Amino acid sequence: MPTNLRRGREGLGSIPYIWADEPSCLGVASLLCPLSPHRMTHTAFTDFTANLQQRLQQPLPGEAAHRLMASSARTKLGIRPNERTRRSAVLILFYPYQNTIYLPLILRPQYDGVHAGQMAFPGGRMERTDRDLIQTALREAQEEIGIRVQDVKVLGKLTELFIPPSNFYVQPVVGAMKTRPDFYPDPREVDAVVEVSLDTLLDKTIVGDSQIQVRGVTVDAPYYDIQGHRVWGATAMMIAELLAVLE
């Protein structure tokens, strides 16, 4: 099992962050390199999140970034938002760990549904009791991977994205925690938590293209190869916009 793949309740605990002696810039050159030319310090993660929060208040790349990782299913299936389209939200959660910055993805279990066995950010549909989509993202993340939402600082939002197969509008919410959280995934909704470093996401060699079957239609599907998992569809499109904001 990869070292960054955690199943069940096998969290390593909340580990205080210690930065590497060498200036790695945490792999995010334009955000972090100017912050510490000689040595990563205790404030590097705080500076990263503050800068990211500012960037999320600016006009977002949106569809221009989404198109980089959009599958042809979005046009071939011909599904558009309608009166039955539902709202949902996911949480993109940054935390410092092992001298860099990480975020968790989840592997959905196999079930009779359109997103079975796929990689995703933790999240789900908006409930009537949710104040807004930010609360939806936090609540769903708490339910699915067991994080303490009171420890999450919300930094902003990415562009809302329509997902034709499930007829959802999804709002990506970006947040941060000061230390690596304990993960307690709900086995009914999460097969595994996959911890991914930003260095991995910034590696252009993980981008590939494949053909898959969606409702009997063959579609081209760009993907990120992350720890042996192909991350494609809406999740890949969200990652593409996130990277565009970071870079």
Protein backbone atom coordinates (compact mmCIF):
# COMPACT_ATOMS: atom_id res chain seq x y z
CA MET A 1 0.00 0.00 0.00
CA PRO A 2 1.45 3.43 -0.87
CA THR A 3 2.64 5.38 2.17
CA ASN A 4 0.16 8.17 1.49
CA LEU A 5 -2.85 5.84 1.20
CA ARG A 6 -4.78 5.38 4.42
CA ARG A 7 -7.69 2.97 4.88
CA GLY A 8 -10.14 2.69 7.73
CA ARG A 9 -9.13 4.45 10.95
CA GLU A 10 -5.35 4.22 10.50
CA GLY A 11 -4.51 7.92 10.85
CA LEU A 12 -0.97 8.79 11.91
CA GLY A 13 -2.15 11.64 14.09
CA SER A 14 -1.81 15.37 13.74
CA ILE A 15 1.89 15.91 13.06
CA PRO A 16 3.40 19.38 13.59
CA TYR A 17 5.04 20.62 10.43
CA ILE A 18 8.79 21.10 10.08
CA TRP A 19 10.14 22.53 6.87
CA ALA A 20 13.09 21.11 4.93
CA ASP A 21 16.52 22.71 5.25
CA GLU A 22 16.80 23.16 1.49
CA PRO A 23 14.58 25.76 -0.22
CA SER A 24 12.15 23.55 -2.14
CA CYS A 25 9.57 26.37 -2.48
CA LEU A 26 7.04 23.61 -1.74
CA GLY A 27 6.85 23.00 -5.48
CA VAL A 28 4.62 26.02 -6.09
CA ALA A 29 7.09 28.44 -7.60
CA SER A 30 5.08 31.60 -8.15
CA LEU A 31 3.33 31.46 -4.77
CA LEU A 32 6.10 30.32 -2.47
CA CYS A 33 9.57 30.87 -3.90
CA PRO A 34 9.71 34.57 -2.96
CA LEU A 35 8.76 33.77 0.62
CA SER A 36 11.91 32.03 1.80
CA PRO A 37 15.02 32.24 -0.37
CA HIS A 38 17.23 30.43 2.13
CA ARG A 39 15.21 28.17 4.40
CA MET A 40 11.58 27.20 4.80
CA THR A 41 10.28 28.57 8.09
CA HIS A 42 7.34 27.96 10.38
CA THR A 43 5.45 30.75 8.61
CA ALA A 44 5.72 29.30 5.08
CA PHE A 45 2.39 27.50 5.16
CA THR A 46 0.64 30.54 6.63
CA ASP A 47 2.11 32.69 3.86
CA PHE A 48 1.01 30.15 1.26
CA THR A 49 -2.58 30.11 2.49
CA ALA A 50 -2.72 33.91 2.80
CA ASN A 51 -1.50 34.34 -0.78
CA LEU A 52 -3.88 31.67 -2.05
CA GLN A 53 -6.78 33.34 -0.24
CA GLN A 54 -5.96 36.60 -2.03
CA ARG A 55 -5.78 34.87 -5.40
CA LEU A 56 -9.16 33.24 -4.88
CA GLN A 57 -10.70 36.70 -4.54
CA GLN A 58 -9.49 37.60 -8.04
CA PRO A 59 -11.24 36.58 -11.29
CA LEU A 60 -10.88 32.81 -11.65
CA PRO A 61 -9.68 30.93 -14.75
CA GLY A 62 -12.93 28.93 -14.76
CA GLU A 63 -13.88 27.26 -18.02
CA ALA A 64 -10.54 28.03 -19.68
CA ALA A 65 -8.83 25.82 -17.09
CA HIS A 66 -11.65 23.26 -17.02
CA ARG A 67 -11.30 22.62 -20.76
CA LEU A 68 -7.73 21.39 -20.27
CA MET A 69 -9.02 18.26 -18.50
CA ALA A 70 -12.61 18.01 -19.77
CA SER A 71 -13.71 14.72 -21.30
CA SER A 72 -15.60 14.64 -24.57
CA ALA A 73 -18.55 13.21 -22.61
CA ARG A 74 -19.53 16.75 -21.66
CA THR A 75 -20.52 17.42 -25.27
CA LYS A 76 -21.39 13.90 -26.44
CA LEU A 77 -23.95 13.26 -23.71
CA GLY A 78 -25.65 16.57 -24.42
CA ILE A 79 -26.95 17.01 -20.88
CA ARG A 80 -27.61 20.56 -19.69
CA PRO A 81 -28.65 21.98 -16.30
CA ASN A 82 -32.41 21.75 -15.78
CA GLU A 83 -35.05 22.12 -13.09
CA ARG A 84 -33.91 18.83 -11.50
CA THR A 85 -30.25 19.86 -11.24
CA ARG A 86 -29.11 19.74 -7.62
CA ARG A 87 -26.47 21.73 -5.73
CA SER A 88 -23.49 20.15 -4.03
CA ALA A 89 -20.02 21.06 -2.78
CA VAL A 90 -16.60 19.50 -2.26
CA LEU A 91 -13.71 20.47 0.00
CA ILE A 92 -10.17 20.97 -1.31
CA LEU A 93 -8.21 20.86 1.94
CA PHE A 94 -4.55 21.89 2.20
CA TYR A 95 -2.33 20.94 5.13
CA PRO A 96 1.44 20.83 5.76
CA TYR A 97 3.05 17.41 5.95
CA GLN A 98 6.47 15.86 5.26
CA ASN A 99 8.14 19.17 4.32
CA THR A 100 5.57 20.08 1.70
CA ILE A 101 1.84 20.68 1.24
CA TYR A 102 -0.76 17.95 0.85
CA LEU A 103 -4.45 17.59 0.11
CA PRO A 104 -6.70 14.52 0.39
CA LEU A 105 -8.61 12.79 -2.36
CA ILE A 106 -10.99 9.92 -1.72
CA LEU A 107 -11.58 6.69 -3.60
CA ARG A 108 -15.27 5.94 -3.86
CA PRO A 109 -16.31 2.32 -3.18
CA GLN A 110 -17.88 0.16 -5.84
CA TYR A 111 -21.65 0.56 -5.90
CA ASP A 112 -24.50 0.95 -8.35
CA GLY A 113 -23.92 4.58 -9.27
CA VAL A 114 -22.33 6.85 -11.85
CA HIS A 115 -19.31 7.73 -9.68
CA ALA A 116 -18.59 4.27 -8.26
CA GLY A 117 -14.89 3.47 -7.89
CA GLN A 118 -13.81 6.97 -8.90
CA MET A 119 -11.40 9.39 -7.29
CA ALA A 120 -12.91 12.60 -5.93
CA PHE A 121 -12.64 15.35 -3.38
CA PRO A 122 -14.72 14.72 -0.25
CA GLY A 123 -18.15 16.28 -0.61
CA GLY A 124 -21.78 15.73 -1.48
CA ARG A 125 -25.21 17.23 -1.97
CA MET A 126 -26.55 20.27 -0.19
CA GLU A 127 -29.05 19.57 2.58
CA ARG A 128 -31.93 21.81 3.60
CA THR A 129 -30.26 22.47 6.93
CA ASP A 130 -27.05 23.75 5.31
CA ARG A 131 -26.63 27.51 5.61
CA ASP A 132 -24.70 27.66 2.33
CA LEU A 133 -22.46 25.56 0.09
CA ILE A 134 -19.44 26.22 2.29
CA GLN A 135 -21.27 24.51 5.15
CA THR A 136 -22.18 21.69 2.76
CA ALA A 137 -18.53 21.11 1.88
CA LEU A 138 -17.43 21.15 5.52
CA ARG A 139 -20.26 18.92 6.72
CA GLU A 140 -19.73 16.37 3.97
CA ALA A 141 -15.97 16.28 4.56
CA GLN A 142 -16.56 15.69 8.25
CA GLU A 143 -19.01 12.88 7.48
CA GLU A 144 -16.86 11.23 4.82
CA ILE A 145 -13.30 11.51 6.14
CA GLY A 146 -13.82 12.46 9.78
CA ILE A 147 -11.94 15.77 9.91
CA ARG A 148 -12.59 18.39 12.60
CA VAL A 149 -14.31 21.15 10.66
CA GLN A 150 -13.69 23.66 13.44
CA ASP A 151 -9.99 23.39 12.55
CA VAL A 152 -10.56 24.30 8.88
CA LYS A 153 -9.96 27.84 7.68
CA VAL A 154 -11.98 28.55 4.54
CA LEU A 155 -9.83 30.36 1.96
CA GLY A 156 -12.33 30.79 -0.84
CA LYS A 157 -14.01 28.99 -3.71
CA LEU A 158 -13.20 27.85 -7.22
CA THR A 159 -15.64 28.03 -10.14
CA GLU A 160 -18.87 26.06 -9.78
CA LEU A 161 -18.96 23.13 -12.19
CA PHE A 162 -21.83 21.20 -13.78
CA ILE A 163 -21.52 17.40 -13.78
CA PRO A 164 -23.80 15.92 -16.48
CA PRO A 165 -23.83 12.22 -15.41
CA SER A 166 -25.19 13.00 -11.94
CA ASN A 167 -26.94 16.29 -12.85
CA PHE A 168 -25.20 18.20 -10.07
CA TYR A 169 -23.74 21.67 -9.87
CA VAL A 170 -20.65 21.31 -7.67
CA GLN A 171 -19.05 24.15 -5.75
CA PRO A 172 -15.37 23.52 -4.90
CA VAL A 173 -14.52 25.11 -1.54
CA VAL A 174 -10.84 25.64 -0.68
CA GLY A 175 -9.69 25.38 2.92
CA ALA A 176 -6.62 24.77 5.05
CA MET A 177 -5.63 23.15 8.34
CA LYS A 178 -2.49 24.02 10.32
CA THR A 179 -1.51 20.38 10.81
CA ARG A 180 -2.18 17.08 9.09
CA PRO A 181 -5.62 15.87 10.20
CA ASP A 182 -6.53 12.46 11.52
CA PHE A 183 -8.66 10.73 8.89
CA TYR A 184 -11.59 8.52 9.89
CA PRO A 185 -13.23 7.60 6.58
CA ASP A 186 -16.80 6.34 6.49
CA PRO A 187 -16.51 2.93 4.75
CA ARG A 188 -20.00 3.33 3.30
CA GLU A 189 -18.84 6.31 1.23
CA VAL A 190 -15.04 6.09 1.13
CA ASP A 191 -12.89 3.12 0.21
CA ALA A 192 -9.63 4.97 0.86
CA VAL A 193 -8.18 8.40 1.60
CA VAL A 194 -5.35 9.19 -0.81
CA GLU A 195 -3.02 11.93 0.38
CA VAL A 196 -1.52 13.83 -2.54
CA SER A 197 1.35 16.33 -2.43
CA LEU A 198 1.26 19.50 -4.49
CA ASP A 199 4.60 18.45 -5.94
CA THR A 200 2.82 15.43 -7.40
CA LEU A 201 0.02 17.52 -8.91
CA LEU A 202 2.53 19.92 -10.46
CA ASP A 203 4.38 17.07 -12.18
CA LYS A 204 3.24 17.32 -15.80
CA THR A 205 4.23 13.70 -16.47
CA ILE A 206 1.18 12.48 -14.51
CA VAL A 207 -1.18 13.87 -17.18
CA GLY A 208 -2.47 11.30 -19.66
CA ASP A 209 -5.36 10.64 -22.02
CA SER A 210 -7.54 7.58 -22.46
CA GLN A 211 -10.80 6.38 -23.95
CA ILE A 212 -13.55 5.13 -21.66
CA GLN A 213 -17.15 4.00 -21.91
CA VAL A 214 -19.76 6.33 -20.42
CA ARG A 215 -23.37 5.14 -20.79
CA GLY A 216 -22.39 3.14 -23.84
CA VAL A 217 -20.58 6.06 -25.48
CA THR A 218 -16.81 6.04 -26.07
CA VAL A 219 -15.31 9.31 -24.88
CA ASP A 220 -11.83 10.80 -24.67
CA ALA A 221 -10.92 11.40 -21.04
CA PRO A 222 -7.79 13.29 -19.94
CA TYR A 223 -6.64 12.20 -16.49
CA TYR A 224 -4.06 12.64 -13.75
CA ASP A 225 -2.25 9.43 -12.79
CA ILE A 226 -2.03 9.71 -9.01
CA GLN A 227 -0.62 6.77 -7.05
CA GLY A 228 -1.91 4.38 -9.70
CA HIS A 229 -5.39 5.91 -9.78
CA ARG A 230 -6.75 7.74 -12.82
CA VAL A 231 -8.35 10.99 -11.72
CA TRP A 232 -10.57 12.27 -14.51
CA GLY A 233 -13.85 14.08 -15.13
CA ALA A 234 -15.02 16.86 -12.82
CA THR A 235 -12.31 16.19 -10.22
CA ALA A 236 -9.57 16.55 -12.84
CA MET A 237 -11.19 19.77 -14.08
CA MET A 238 -11.21 21.18 -10.54
CA ILE A 239 -7.54 20.27 -10.13
CA ALA A 240 -6.75 22.00 -13.42
CA GLU A 241 -8.34 25.23 -12.20
CA LEU A 242 -6.64 24.93 -8.83
CA LEU A 243 -3.24 24.58 -10.51
CA ALA A 244 -3.98 27.54 -12.77
CA VAL A 245 -4.68 29.65 -9.67
CA LEU A 246 -1.51 28.43 -7.94
CA GLU A 247 0.74 28.93 -10.95
